[in-house]
């Protein structure tokens, strides 16, 4: 069974829902939430709409 997991999302609601679901299943948070900015160019090469990326590490509570 998997003992470590990382949730990475650009949608805050989806991110918080996924983390909450995993915690309810017995996973424990490792550290805090990391928030970074993704400036990957879109299909037209524009980087004006940067996205926030939310990341949370978790480990299985044994």
Protein backbone atom coordinates (compact mmCIF):
# COMPACT_ATOMS: atom_id res chain seq x y z
CA UNK A 1 0.00 0.00 0.00
CA UNK A 2 1.06 3.53 -0.74
CA UNK A 3 2.48 5.38 2.30
CA UNK A 4 3.11 8.84 0.84
CA UNK A 5 0.92 10.99 -1.34
CA UNK A 6 1.03 14.51 -2.80
CA UNK A 7 -2.08 16.46 -3.78
CA UNK A 8 -1.39 19.14 -6.39
CA UNK A 9 -4.22 21.25 -7.83
CA UNK A 10 -4.83 24.67 -9.40
CA UNK A 11 -8.47 24.72 -8.24
CA UNK A 12 -8.65 25.59 -4.52
CA UNK A 13 -12.04 23.94 -3.98
CA UNK A 14 -10.93 20.70 -5.64
CA UNK A 15 -7.67 20.82 -3.66
CA UNK A 16 -9.36 21.28 -0.28
CA UNK A 17 -11.97 18.62 -1.06
CA UNK A 18 -9.31 16.07 -2.03
CA UNK A 19 -7.15 16.79 1.04
CA UNK A 20 -10.20 16.60 3.34
CA UNK A 21 -11.27 13.28 1.79
CA UNK A 22 -7.80 11.80 2.29
CA UNK A 23 -7.60 12.98 5.92
CA UNK A 24 -10.98 11.37 6.58
CA UNK A 25 -9.55 8.11 5.20
CA UNK A 26 -6.67 8.21 7.70
CA UNK A 27 -3.94 10.15 5.90
CA UNK A 28 -1.95 12.74 7.90
CA UNK A 29 -0.74 16.11 6.66
CA UNK A 30 3.02 16.51 6.31
CA UNK A 31 4.08 20.13 6.71
CA UNK A 32 2.00 22.97 5.37
CA UNK A 33 0.40 23.86 2.09
CA UNK A 34 2.79 25.11 -0.58
CA UNK A 35 1.39 27.77 -2.91
CA UNK A 36 3.37 28.48 -6.06
CA UNK A 37 2.68 30.38 -9.24
CA UNK A 38 2.56 28.54 -12.57
CA UNK A 39 3.54 30.85 -15.41
CA UNK A 40 3.54 28.15 -18.08
CA UNK A 41 2.64 29.80 -21.40
CA UNK A 42 -0.79 28.99 -22.81
CA UNK A 43 -1.35 27.74 -26.37
CA UNK A 44 -0.70 31.26 -27.69
CA UNK A 45 2.52 31.70 -25.72
CA UNK A 46 0.97 34.15 -23.22
CA UNK A 47 1.95 34.05 -19.56
CA UNK A 48 -0.33 36.88 -18.42
CA UNK A 49 -2.75 34.53 -16.64
CA UNK A 50 -0.55 32.87 -14.03
CA UNK A 51 -2.24 30.12 -12.02
CA UNK A 52 -1.73 29.36 -8.36
CA UNK A 53 -0.75 25.76 -7.66
CA UNK A 54 -1.66 24.33 -4.24
CA UNK A 55 0.42 21.38 -3.02
CA UNK A 56 0.08 19.28 0.15
CA UNK A 57 2.10 16.21 1.14
CA UNK A 58 0.44 13.47 3.16
CA UNK A 59 1.57 10.22 4.75
CA UNK A 60 -0.41 7.17 5.79
CA UNK A 61 -1.16 7.10 9.51
CA UNK A 62 -0.17 3.60 10.57
